[in-house]
Amino acid sequence: MSERIHELLLRNLLEVFGEGDSAKRRSAIEELYTDDCVVYVPPGILVGHDALDKFAGDLRATHPHFAYAPPRFSPSPPQCWLPNMGLPVLAAGCLPIRDWT
């Protein structure tokens, strides 16, 4: 995967869907997405910054104490869980969500 794509995916995970501060999240959305962005999510289709911001904020509010981290690609699933300053870590795409506190 190219470095730029990796950077954008990581920033989307951490700064959009993982950000609890609404002003920081909105700033990241405006930097990473076009004004007329279209995002497909299980509940439906989101169009524009406002819809994406609301969805990401609502999703984040369901688990405010989790810290997102990208998965490590390894044959050993436990390595997907990364320590993050004592907070439980959600490794997207690795293991089911589990609160390690």
PDB file of N, CA and C in Angstrom:
ATOM      1  N   MET A   1       0.855  -1.173   0.000  1.00  0.00           N
ATOM      2  CA  MET A   1       0.000   0.000   0.000  1.00  0.00           C
ATOM      3  C   MET A   1       0.900   1.234   0.000  1.00  0.00           C
ATOM      4  N   SER A   2       0.549   2.225  -0.794  1.00  0.00           N
ATOM      5  CA  SER A   2       1.386   3.415  -0.849  1.00  0.00           C
ATOM      6  C   SER A   2       1.359   4.148   0.492  1.00  0.00           C
ATOM      7  N   GLU A   3       2.407   4.878   0.748  1.00  0.00           N
ATOM      8  CA  GLU A   3       2.502   5.628   2.004  1.00  0.00           C
ATOM      9  C   GLU A   3       1.367   6.642   2.151  1.00  0.00           C
ATOM     10  N   ARG A   4       1.000   7.299   1.057  1.00  0.00           N
ATOM     11  CA  ARG A   4      -0.067   8.309   1.118  1.00  0.00           C
ATOM     12  C   ARG A   4      -1.411   7.674   1.463  1.00  0.00           C
ATOM     13  N   ILE A   5      -1.723   6.541   0.844  1.00  0.00           N
ATOM     14  CA  ILE A   5      -2.981   5.860   1.156  1.00  0.00           C
ATOM     15  C   ILE A   5      -2.977   5.414   2.607  1.00  0.00           C
ATOM     16  N   HIS A   6      -1.864   4.849   3.044  1.00  0.00           N
ATOM     17  CA  HIS A   6      -1.746   4.415   4.441  1.00  0.00           C
ATOM     18  C   HIS A   6      -1.967   5.599   5.387  1.00  0.00           C
ATOM     19  N   GLU A   7      -1.355   6.734   5.062  1.00  0.00           N
ATOM     20  CA  GLU A   7      -1.505   7.936   5.893  1.00  0.00           C
ATOM     21  C   GLU A   7      -2.969   8.386   5.963  1.00  0.00           C
ATOM     22  N   LEU A   8      -3.657   8.398   4.820  1.00  0.00           N
ATOM     23  CA  LEU A   8      -5.051   8.839   4.786  1.00  0.00           C
ATOM     24  C   LEU A   8      -5.960   7.884   5.561  1.00  0.00           C
ATOM     25  N   LEU A   9      -5.743   6.592   5.411  1.00  0.00           N
ATOM     26  CA  LEU A   9      -6.543   5.614   6.154  1.00  0.00           C
ATOM     27  C   LEU A   9      -6.317   5.749   7.656  1.00  0.00           C
ATOM     28  N   LEU A  10      -5.080   5.920   8.047  1.00  0.00           N
ATOM     29  CA  LEU A  10      -4.759   6.071   9.467  1.00  0.00           C
ATOM     30  C   LEU A  10      -5.371   7.351  10.029  1.00  0.00           C
ATOM     31  N   ARG A  11      -5.244   8.456   9.303  1.00  0.00           N
ATOM     32  CA  ARG A  11      -5.816   9.722   9.772  1.00  0.00           C
ATOM     33  C   ARG A  11      -7.335   9.635   9.853  1.00  0.00           C
ATOM     34  N   ASN A  12      -7.976   8.958   8.907  1.00  0.00           N
ATOM     35  CA  ASN A  12      -9.417   8.782   8.949  1.00  0.00           C
ATOM     36  C   ASN A  12      -9.821   8.001  10.199  1.00  0.00           C
ATOM     37  N   LEU A  13      -9.102   6.932  10.499  1.00  0.00           N
ATOM     38  CA  LEU A  13      -9.400   6.127  11.679  1.00  0.00           C
ATOM     39  C   LEU A  13      -9.225   6.939  12.955  1.00  0.00           C
ATOM     40  N   LEU A  14      -8.089   7.606  13.089  1.00  0.00           N
ATOM     41  CA  LEU A  14      -7.768   8.296  14.336  1.00  0.00           C
ATOM     42  C   LEU A  14      -8.436   9.657  14.471  1.00  0.00           C
ATOM     43  N   GLU A  15      -8.406  10.461  13.407  1.00  0.00           N
ATOM     44  CA  GLU A  15      -8.841  11.850  13.500  1.00  0.00           C
ATOM     45  C   GLU A  15     -10.320  12.067  13.192  1.00  0.00           C
ATOM     46  N   VAL A  16     -10.939  11.154  12.471  1.00  0.00           N
ATOM     47  CA  VAL A  16     -12.367  11.295  12.180  1.00  0.00           C
ATOM     48  C   VAL A  16     -13.169  10.384  13.099  1.00  0.00           C
ATOM     49  N   PHE A  17     -12.971   9.072  12.987  1.00  0.00           N
ATOM     50  CA  PHE A  17     -13.790   8.137  13.757  1.00  0.00           C
ATOM     51  C   PHE A  17     -13.287   7.916  15.179  1.00  0.00           C
ATOM     52  N   GLY A  18     -12.032   8.222  15.444  1.00  0.00           N
ATOM     53  CA  GLY A  18     -11.501   8.022  16.781  1.00  0.00           C
ATOM     54  C   GLY A  18     -11.415   9.280  17.626  1.00  0.00           C
ATOM     55  N   GLU A  19     -11.755  10.415  17.066  1.00  0.00           N
ATOM     56  CA  GLU A  19     -11.600  11.694  17.769  1.00  0.00           C
ATOM     57  C   GLU A  19     -12.840  12.032  18.585  1.00  0.00           C
ATOM     58  N   GLY A  20     -12.641  12.273  19.871  1.00  0.00           N
ATOM     59  CA  GLY A  20     -13.741  12.633  20.754  1.00  0.00           C
ATOM     60  C   GLY A  20     -14.047  14.114  20.785  1.00  0.00           C
ATOM     61  N   ASP A  21     -13.081  14.937  20.424  1.00  0.00           N
ATOM     62  CA  ASP A  21     -13.254  16.389  20.415  1.00  0.00           C
ATOM     63  C   ASP A  21     -13.927  16.786  19.099  1.00  0.00           C
ATOM     64  N   SER A  22     -15.126  17.338  19.180  1.00  0.00           N
ATOM     65  CA  SER A  22     -15.898  17.630  17.969  1.00  0.00           C
ATOM     66  C   SER A  22     -15.226  18.655  17.054  1.00  0.00           C
ATOM     67  N   ALA A  23     -14.548  19.651  17.618  1.00  0.00           N
ATOM     68  CA  ALA A  23     -13.879  20.660  16.779  1.00  0.00           C
ATOM     69  C   ALA A  23     -12.706  20.043  16.017  1.00  0.00           C
ATOM     70  N   LYS A  24     -11.936  19.194  16.679  1.00  0.00           N
ATOM     71  CA  LYS A  24     -10.809  18.528  16.003  1.00  0.00           C
ATOM     72  C   LYS A  24     -11.320  17.569  14.934  1.00  0.00           C
ATOM     73  N   ARG A  25     -12.408  16.831  15.267  1.00  0.00           N
ATOM     74  CA  ARG A  25     -12.984  15.899  14.298  1.00  0.00           C
ATOM     75  C   ARG A  25     -13.470  16.656  13.061  1.00  0.00           C
ATOM     76  N   ARG A  26     -14.167  17.766  13.266  1.00  0.00           N
ATOM     77  CA  ARG A  26     -14.699  18.538  12.143  1.00  0.00           C
ATOM     78  C   ARG A  26     -13.567  19.088  11.278  1.00  0.00           C
ATOM     79  N   SER A  27     -12.509  19.554  11.907  1.00  0.00           N
ATOM     80  CA  SER A  27     -11.352  20.056  11.169  1.00  0.00           C
ATOM     81  C   SER A  27     -10.740  18.956  10.294  1.00  0.00           C
ATOM     82  N   ALA A  28     -10.628  17.754  10.845  1.00  0.00           N
ATOM     83  CA  ALA A  28     -10.074  16.633  10.083  1.00  0.00           C
ATOM     84  C   ALA A  28     -10.988  16.264   8.924  1.00  0.00           C
ATOM     85  N   ILE A  29     -12.295  16.259   9.160  1.00  0.00           N
ATOM     86  CA  ILE A  29     -13.247  15.955   8.086  1.00  0.00           C
ATOM     87  C   ILE A  29     -13.103  16.957   6.956  1.00  0.00           C
ATOM     88  N   GLU A  30     -13.002  18.230   7.288  1.00  0.00           N
ATOM     89  CA  GLU A  30     -12.876  19.265   6.257  1.00  0.00           C
ATOM     90  C   GLU A  30     -11.565  19.154   5.497  1.00  0.00           C
ATOM     91  N   GLU A  31     -10.522  18.652   6.152  1.00  0.00           N
ATOM     92  CA  GLU A  31      -9.231  18.485   5.491  1.00  0.00           C
ATOM     93  C   GLU A  31      -9.179  17.215   4.641  1.00  0.00           C
ATOM     94  N   LEU A  32      -9.821  16.143   5.093  1.00  0.00           N
ATOM     95  CA  LEU A  32      -9.694  14.848   4.426  1.00  0.00           C
ATOM     96  C   LEU A  32     -10.785  14.551   3.401  1.00  0.00           C
ATOM     97  N   TYR A  33     -11.951  15.194   3.524  1.00  0.00           N
ATOM     98  CA  TYR A  33     -13.088  14.893   2.653  1.00  0.00           C
ATOM     99  C   TYR A  33     -13.512  16.118   1.861  1.00  0.00           C
ATOM    100  N   THR A  34     -14.023  15.888   0.645  1.00  0.00           N
ATOM    101  CA  THR A  34     -14.583  16.986  -0.143  1.00  0.00           C
ATOM    102  C   THR A  34     -15.925  17.395   0.469  1.00  0.00           C
ATOM    103  N   ASP A  35     -16.367  18.614   0.133  1.00  0.00           N
ATOM    104  CA  ASP A  35     -17.641  19.120   0.663  1.00  0.00           C
ATOM    105  C   ASP A  35     -18.814  18.204   0.326  1.00  0.00           C
ATOM    106  N   ASP A  36     -18.761  17.581  -0.854  1.00  0.00           N
ATOM    107  CA  ASP A  36     -19.868  16.741  -1.318  1.00  0.00           C
ATOM    108  C   ASP A  36     -19.545  15.247  -1.188  1.00  0.00           C
ATOM    109  N   CYS A  37     -18.742  14.895  -0.190  1.00  0.00           N
ATOM    110  CA  CYS A  37     -18.342  13.499  -0.008  1.00  0.00           C
ATOM    111  C   CYS A  37     -19.559  12.601   0.162  1.00  0.00           C
ATOM    112  N   VAL A  38     -19.400  11.349  -0.252  1.00  0.00           N
ATOM    113  CA  VAL A  38     -20.438  10.334  -0.081  1.00  0.00           C
ATOM    114  C   VAL A  38     -19.781   9.162   0.635  1.00  0.00           C
ATOM    115  N   VAL A  39     -20.340   8.789   1.784  1.00  0.00           N
ATOM    116  CA  VAL A  39     -19.791   7.702   2.586  1.00  0.00           C
ATOM    117  C   VAL A  39     -20.899   6.675   2.795  1.00  0.00           C
ATOM    118  N   TYR A  40     -20.592   5.419   2.470  1.00  0.00           N
ATOM    119  CA  TYR A  40     -21.567   4.333   2.610  1.00  0.00           C
ATOM    120  C   TYR A  40     -21.311   3.627   3.938  1.00  0.00           C
ATOM    121  N   VAL A  41     -22.327   3.600   4.792  1.00  0.00           N
ATOM    122  CA  VAL A  41     -22.248   2.947   6.098  1.00  0.00           C
ATOM    123  C   VAL A  41     -23.481   2.048   6.244  1.00  0.00           C
ATOM    124  N   PRO A  42     -23.431   1.066   7.143  1.00  0.00           N
ATOM    125  CA  PRO A  42     -24.561   0.143   7.268  1.00  0.00           C
ATOM    126  C   PRO A  42     -25.940   0.803   7.408  1.00  0.00           C
ATOM    127  N   PRO A  43     -26.093   1.911   8.151  1.00  0.00           N
ATOM    128  CA  PRO A  43     -27.438   2.489   8.218  1.00  0.00           C
ATOM    129  C   PRO A  43     -27.885   3.182   6.939  1.00  0.00           C
ATOM    130  N   GLY A  44     -26.960   3.494   6.023  1.00  0.00           N
ATOM    131  CA  GLY A  44     -27.355   4.195   4.803  1.00  0.00           C
ATOM    132  C   GLY A  44     -26.206   4.955   4.185  1.00  0.00           C
ATOM    133  N   ILE A  45     -26.534   5.996   3.453  1.00  0.00           N
ATOM    134  CA  ILE A  45     -25.550   6.795   2.732  1.00  0.00           C
ATOM    135  C   ILE A  45     -25.458   8.167   3.372  1.00  0.00           C
ATOM    136  N   LEU A  46     -24.237   8.586   3.682  1.00  0.00           N
ATOM    137  CA  LEU A  46     -23.992   9.910   4.253  1.00  0.00           C
ATOM    138  C   LEU A  46     -23.475  10.814   3.143  1.00  0.00           C
ATOM    139  N   VAL A  47     -24.004  12.020   3.057  1.00  0.00           N
ATOM    140  CA  VAL A  47     -23.565  12.970   2.034  1.00  0.00           C
ATOM    141  C   VAL A  47     -23.163  14.264   2.716  1.00  0.00           C
ATOM    142  N   GLY A  48     -21.926  14.682   2.502  1.00  0.00           N
ATOM    143  CA  GLY A  48     -21.440  15.950   3.012  1.00  0.00           C
ATOM    144  C   GLY A  48     -20.807  15.885   4.385  1.00  0.00           C
ATOM    145  N   HIS A  49     -20.132  16.969   4.731  1.00  0.00           N
ATOM    146  CA  HIS A  49     -19.414  17.064   6.002  1.00  0.00           C
ATOM    147  C   HIS A  49     -20.334  16.943   7.213  1.00  0.00           C
ATOM    148  N   ASP A  50     -21.478  17.607   7.176  1.00  0.00           N
ATOM    149  CA  ASP A  50     -22.375  17.584   8.336  1.00  0.00           C
ATOM    150  C   ASP A  50     -22.842  16.173   8.661  1.00  0.00           C
ATOM    151  N   ALA A  51     -23.234  15.416   7.633  1.00  0.00           N
ATOM    152  CA  ALA A  51     -23.724  14.054   7.853  1.00  0.00           C
ATOM    153  C   ALA A  51     -22.614  13.150   8.373  1.00  0.00           C
ATOM    154  N   LEU A  52     -21.416  13.264   7.804  1.00  0.00           N
ATOM    155  CA  LEU A  52     -20.291  12.456   8.254  1.00  0.00           C
ATOM    156  C   LEU A  52     -19.898  12.815   9.683  1.00  0.00           C
ATOM    157  N   ASP A  53     -19.866  14.097   9.975  1.00  0.00           N
ATOM    158  CA  ASP A  53     -19.512  14.557  11.321  1.00  0.00           C
ATOM    159  C   ASP A  53     -20.506  14.035  12.358  1.00  0.00           C
ATOM    160  N   LYS A  54     -21.793  14.117  12.054  1.00  0.00           N
ATOM    161  CA  LYS A  54     -22.809  13.621  12.983  1.00  0.00           C
ATOM    162  C   LYS A  54     -22.658  12.119  13.191  1.00  0.00           C
ATOM    163  N   PHE A  55     -22.490  11.371  12.105  1.00  0.00           N
ATOM    164  CA  PHE A  55     -22.359   9.925  12.217  1.00  0.00           C
ATOM    165  C   PHE A  55     -21.119   9.553  13.034  1.00  0.00           C
ATOM    166  N   ALA A  56     -19.975  10.151  12.728  1.00  0.00           N
ATOM    167  CA  ALA A  56     -18.733   9.831  13.445  1.00  0.00           C
ATOM    168  C   ALA A  56     -18.851  10.209  14.920  1.00  0.00           C
ATOM    169  N   GLY A  57     -19.462  11.354  15.207  1.00  0.00           N
ATOM    170  CA  GLY A  57     -19.642  11.783  16.595  1.00  0.00           C
ATOM    171  C   GLY A  57     -20.578  10.870  17.361  1.00  0.00           C
ATOM    172  N   ASP A  58     -21.681  10.493  16.728  1.00  0.00           N
ATOM    173  CA  ASP A  58     -22.630   9.578  17.370  1.00  0.00           C
ATOM    174  C   ASP A  58     -22.001   8.210  17.610  1.00  0.00           C
ATOM    175  N   LEU A  59     -21.259   7.730  16.635  1.00  0.00           N
ATOM    176  CA  LEU A  59     -20.581   6.439  16.783  1.00  0.00           C
ATOM    177  C   LEU A  59     -19.558   6.499  17.910  1.00  0.00           C
ATOM    178  N   ARG A  60     -18.768   7.549  17.924  1.00  0.00           N
ATOM    179  CA  ARG A  60     -17.741   7.706  18.959  1.00  0.00           C
ATOM    180  C   ARG A  60     -18.377   7.779  20.354  1.00  0.00           C
ATOM    181  N   ALA A  61     -19.522   8.406  20.468  1.00  0.00           N
ATOM    182  CA  ALA A  61     -20.200   8.553  21.758  1.00  0.00           C
ATOM    183  C   ALA A  61     -20.646   7.211  22.339  1.00  0.00           C
ATOM    184  N   THR A  62     -20.771   6.192  21.500  1.00  0.00           N
ATOM    185  CA  THR A  62     -21.188   4.881  22.004  1.00  0.00           C
ATOM    186  C   THR A  62     -20.072   4.178  22.766  1.00  0.00           C
ATOM    187  N   HIS A  63     -18.830   4.599  22.584  1.00  0.00           N
ATOM    188  CA  HIS A  63     -17.687   3.991  23.284  1.00  0.00           C
ATOM    189  C   HIS A  63     -16.584   5.038  23.480  1.00  0.00           C
ATOM    190  N   PRO A  64     -16.850   6.043  24.302  1.00  0.00           N
ATOM    191  CA  PRO A  64     -15.920   7.172  24.437  1.00  0.00           C
ATOM    192  C   PRO A  64     -14.572   6.836  25.060  1.00  0.00           C
ATOM    193  N   HIS A  65     -14.445   5.712  25.725  1.00  0.00           N
ATOM    194  CA  HIS A  65     -13.178   5.399  26.397  1.00  0.00           C
ATOM    195  C   HIS A  65     -12.267   4.504  25.569  1.00  0.00           C
ATOM    196  N   PHE A  66     -12.714   4.100  24.392  1.00  0.00           N
ATOM    197  CA  PHE A  66     -11.854   3.295  23.537  1.00  0.00           C
ATOM    198  C   PHE A  66     -10.880   4.195  22.794  1.00  0.00           C
ATOM    199  N   ALA A  67      -9.706   3.671  22.532  1.00  0.00           N
ATOM    200  CA  ALA A  67      -8.718   4.356  21.705  1.00  0.00           C
ATOM    201  C   ALA A  67      -8.492   3.487  20.472  1.00  0.00           C
ATOM    202  N   TYR A  68      -8.759   4.025  19.298  1.00  0.00           N
ATOM    203  CA  TYR A  68      -8.579   3.263  18.073  1.00  0.00           C
ATOM    204  C   TYR A  68      -7.099   3.073  17.781  1.00  0.00           C
ATOM    205  N   ALA A  69      -6.785   1.949  17.163  1.00  0.00           N
ATOM    206  CA  ALA A  69      -5.430   1.683  16.705  1.00  0.00           C
ATOM    207  C   ALA A  69      -5.533   0.820  15.462  1.00  0.00           C
ATOM    208  N   PRO A  70      -4.662   1.028  14.492  1.00  0.00           N
ATOM    209  CA  PRO A  70      -4.712   0.181  13.296  1.00  0.00           C
ATOM    210  C   PRO A  70      -4.264  -1.226  13.658  1.00  0.00           C
ATOM    211  N   PRO A  71      -4.805  -2.230  12.970  1.00  0.00           N
ATOM    212  CA  PRO A  71      -4.387  -3.601  13.269  1.00  0.00           C
ATOM    213  C   PRO A  71      -2.963  -3.853  12.796  1.00  0.00           C
ATOM    214  N   ARG A  72      -2.299  -4.721  13.505  1.00  0.00           N
ATOM    215  CA  ARG A  72      -1.006  -5.222  13.026  1.00  0.00           C
ATOM    216  C   ARG A  72      -1.321  -6.497  12.263  1.00  0.00           C
ATOM    217  N   PHE A  73      -0.796  -6.613  11.083  1.00  0.00           N
ATOM    218  CA  PHE A  73      -1.065  -7.797  10.290  1.00  0.00           C
ATOM    219  C   PHE A  73      -0.075  -8.875  10.675  1.00  0.00           C
ATOM    220  N   SER A  74      -0.591  -9.881  11.366  1.00  0.00           N
ATOM    221  CA  SER A  74       0.238 -10.934  11.922  1.00  0.00           C
ATOM    222  C   SER A  74      -0.614 -12.180  12.066  1.00  0.00           C
ATOM    223  N   PRO A  75      -0.008 -13.357  11.998  1.00  0.00           N
ATOM    224  CA  PRO A  75      -0.799 -14.572  12.206  1.00  0.00           C
ATOM    225  C   PRO A  75      -1.261 -14.728  13.652  1.00  0.00           C
ATOM    226  N   SER A  76      -0.739 -13.911  14.548  1.00  0.00           N
ATOM    227  CA  SER A  76      -1.090 -14.013  15.960  1.00  0.00           C
ATOM    228  C   SER A  76      -2.045 -12.892  16.342  1.00  0.00           C
ATOM    229  N   PRO A  77      -3.374 -13.147  16.396  1.00  0.00           N
ATOM    230  CA  PRO A  77      -4.355 -12.091  16.678  1.00  0.00           C
ATOM    231  C   PRO A  77      -4.091 -11.259  17.923  1.00  0.00           C
ATOM    232  N   PRO A  78      -3.580 -11.816  19.054  1.00  0.00           N
ATOM    233  CA  PRO A  78      -3.390 -10.948  20.215  1.00  0.00           C
ATOM    234  C   PRO A  78      -2.490  -9.747  19.953  1.00  0.00           C
ATOM    235  N   GLN A  79      -1.633  -9.816  18.938  1.00  0.00           N
ATOM    236  CA  GLN A  79      -0.777  -8.676  18.628  1.00  0.00           C
ATOM    237  C   GLN A  79      -1.564  -7.510  18.043  1.00  0.00           C
ATOM    238  N   CYS A  80      -2.813  -7.765  17.696  1.00  0.00           N
ATOM    239  CA  CYS A  80      -3.654  -6.686  17.176  1.00  0.00           C
ATOM    240  C   CYS A  80      -4.003  -5.679  18.261  1.00  0.00           C
ATOM    241  N   TRP A  81      -3.941  -6.099  19.511  1.00  0.00           N
ATOM    242  CA  TRP A  81      -4.274  -5.190  20.603  1.00  0.00           C
ATOM    243  C   TRP A  81      -3.028  -4.462  21.025  1.00  0.00           C
ATOM    244  N   LEU A  82      -3.048  -3.161  20.861  1.00  0.00           N
ATOM    245  CA  LEU A  82      -1.865  -2.342  21.117  1.00  0.00           C
ATOM    246  C   LEU A  82      -2.063  -1.515  22.376  1.00  0.00           C
ATOM    247  N   PRO A  83      -1.059  -1.459  23.248  1.00  0.00           N
ATOM    248  CA  PRO A  83      -1.201  -0.611  24.430  1.00  0.00           C
ATOM    249  C   PRO A  83      -1.274   0.856  24.024  1.00  0.00           C
ATOM    250  N   ASN A  84      -2.102   1.617  24.720  1.00  0.00           N
ATOM    251  CA  ASN A  84      -2.248   3.029  24.378  1.00  0.00           C
ATOM    252  C   ASN A  84      -2.508   3.813  25.662  1.00  0.00           C
ATOM    253  N   MET A  85      -1.446   4.118  26.370  1.00  0.00           N
ATOM    254  CA  MET A  85      -1.526   4.948  27.568  1.00  0.00           C
ATOM    255  C   MET A  85      -2.554   4.435  28.574  1.00  0.00           C
ATOM    256  N   GLY A  86      -2.676   3.124  28.726  1.00  0.00           N
ATOM    257  CA  GLY A  86      -3.561   2.565  29.722  1.00  0.00           C
ATOM    258  C   GLY A  86      -5.031   2.529  29.340  1.00  0.00           C
ATOM    259  N   LEU A  87      -5.368   2.967  28.129  1.00  0.00           N
ATOM    260  CA  LEU A  87      -6.754   2.933  27.682  1.00  0.00           C
ATOM    261  C   LEU A  87      -7.006   1.647  26.914  1.00  0.00           C
ATOM    262  N   PRO A  88      -8.226   1.124  26.938  1.00  0.00           N
ATOM    263  CA  PRO A  88      -8.529  -0.050  26.117  1.00  0.00           C
ATOM    264  C   PRO A  88      -8.409   0.322  24.648  1.00  0.00           C
ATOM    265  N   VAL A  89      -7.960  -0.600  23.839  1.00  0.00           N
ATOM    266  CA  VAL A  89      -7.714  -0.333  22.430  1.00  0.00           C
ATOM    267  C   VAL A  89      -8.650  -1.153  21.566  1.00  0.00           C
ATOM    268  N   LEU A  90      -9.249  -0.532  20.588  1.00  0.00           N
ATOM    269  CA  LEU A  90     -10.076  -1.211  19.607  1.00  0.00           C
ATOM    270  C   LEU A  90      -9.269  -1.300  18.325  1.00  0.00           C
ATOM    271  N   ALA A  91      -8.863  -2.491  17.956  1.00  0.00           N
ATOM    272  CA  ALA A  91      -8.103  -2.681  16.724  1.00  0.00           C
ATOM    273  C   ALA A  91      -9.090  -3.050  15.631  1.00  0.00           C
ATOM    274  N   ALA A  92      -9.386  -2.121  14.762  1.00  0.00           N
ATOM    275  CA  ALA A  92     -10.398  -2.324  13.733  1.00  0.00           C
ATOM    276  C   ALA A  92     -10.025  -3.480  12.820  1.00  0.00           C
ATOM    277  N   GLY A  93     -10.947  -4.391  12.659  1.00  0.00           N
ATOM    278  CA  GLY A  93     -10.745  -5.490  11.739  1.00  0.00           C
ATOM    279  C   GLY A  93      -9.945  -6.645  12.296  1.00  0.00           C
ATOM    280  N   CYS A  94      -9.532  -6.604  13.532  1.00  0.00           N
ATOM    281  CA  CYS A  94      -8.711  -7.672  14.093  1.00  0.00           C
ATOM    282  C   CYS A  94      -9.512  -8.633  14.954  1.00  0.00           C
ATOM    283  N   LEU A  95     -10.030  -8.118  16.015  1.00  0.00           N
ATOM    284  CA  LEU A  95     -10.719  -8.933  17.004  1.00  0.00           C
ATOM    285  C   LEU A  95     -12.029  -8.270  17.370  1.00  0.00           C
ATOM    286  N   PRO A  96     -12.951  -9.006  17.944  1.00  0.00           N
ATOM    287  CA  PRO A  96     -14.161  -8.355  18.415  1.00  0.00           C
ATOM    288  C   PRO A  96     -13.811  -7.269  19.453  1.00  0.00           C
ATOM    289  N   ILE A  97     -14.656  -6.263  19.537  1.00  0.00           N
ATOM    290  CA  ILE A  97     -14.435  -5.183  20.508  1.00  0.00           C
ATOM    291  C   ILE A  97     -14.433  -5.779  21.913  1.00  0.00           C
ATOM    292  N   ARG A  98     -13.442  -5.424  22.677  1.00  0.00           N
ATOM    293  CA  ARG A  98     -13.367  -5.903  24.054  1.00  0.00           C
ATOM    294  C   ARG A  98     -12.790  -4.794  24.907  1.00  0.00           C
ATOM    295  N   ASP A  99     -13.393  -4.551  26.023  1.00  0.00           N
ATOM    296  CA  ASP A  99     -12.905  -3.539  26.948  1.00  0.00           C
ATOM    297  C   ASP A  99     -11.898  -4.201  27.881  1.00  0.00           C
ATOM    298  N   TRP A 100     -10.654  -3.801  27.786  1.00  0.00           N
ATOM    299  CA  TRP A 100      -9.568  -4.421  28.550  1.00  0.00           C
ATOM    300  C   TRP A 100      -9.378  -3.777  29.902  1.00  0.00           C
ATOM    301  N   THR A 101     -10.281  -2.870  30.316  1.00  0.00           N
ATOM    302  CA  THR A 101     -10.110  -2.235  31.616  1.00  0.00           C
ATOM    303  C   THR A 101     -10.579  -3.135  32.723  1.00  0.00           C
TER     304      THR A 101
END
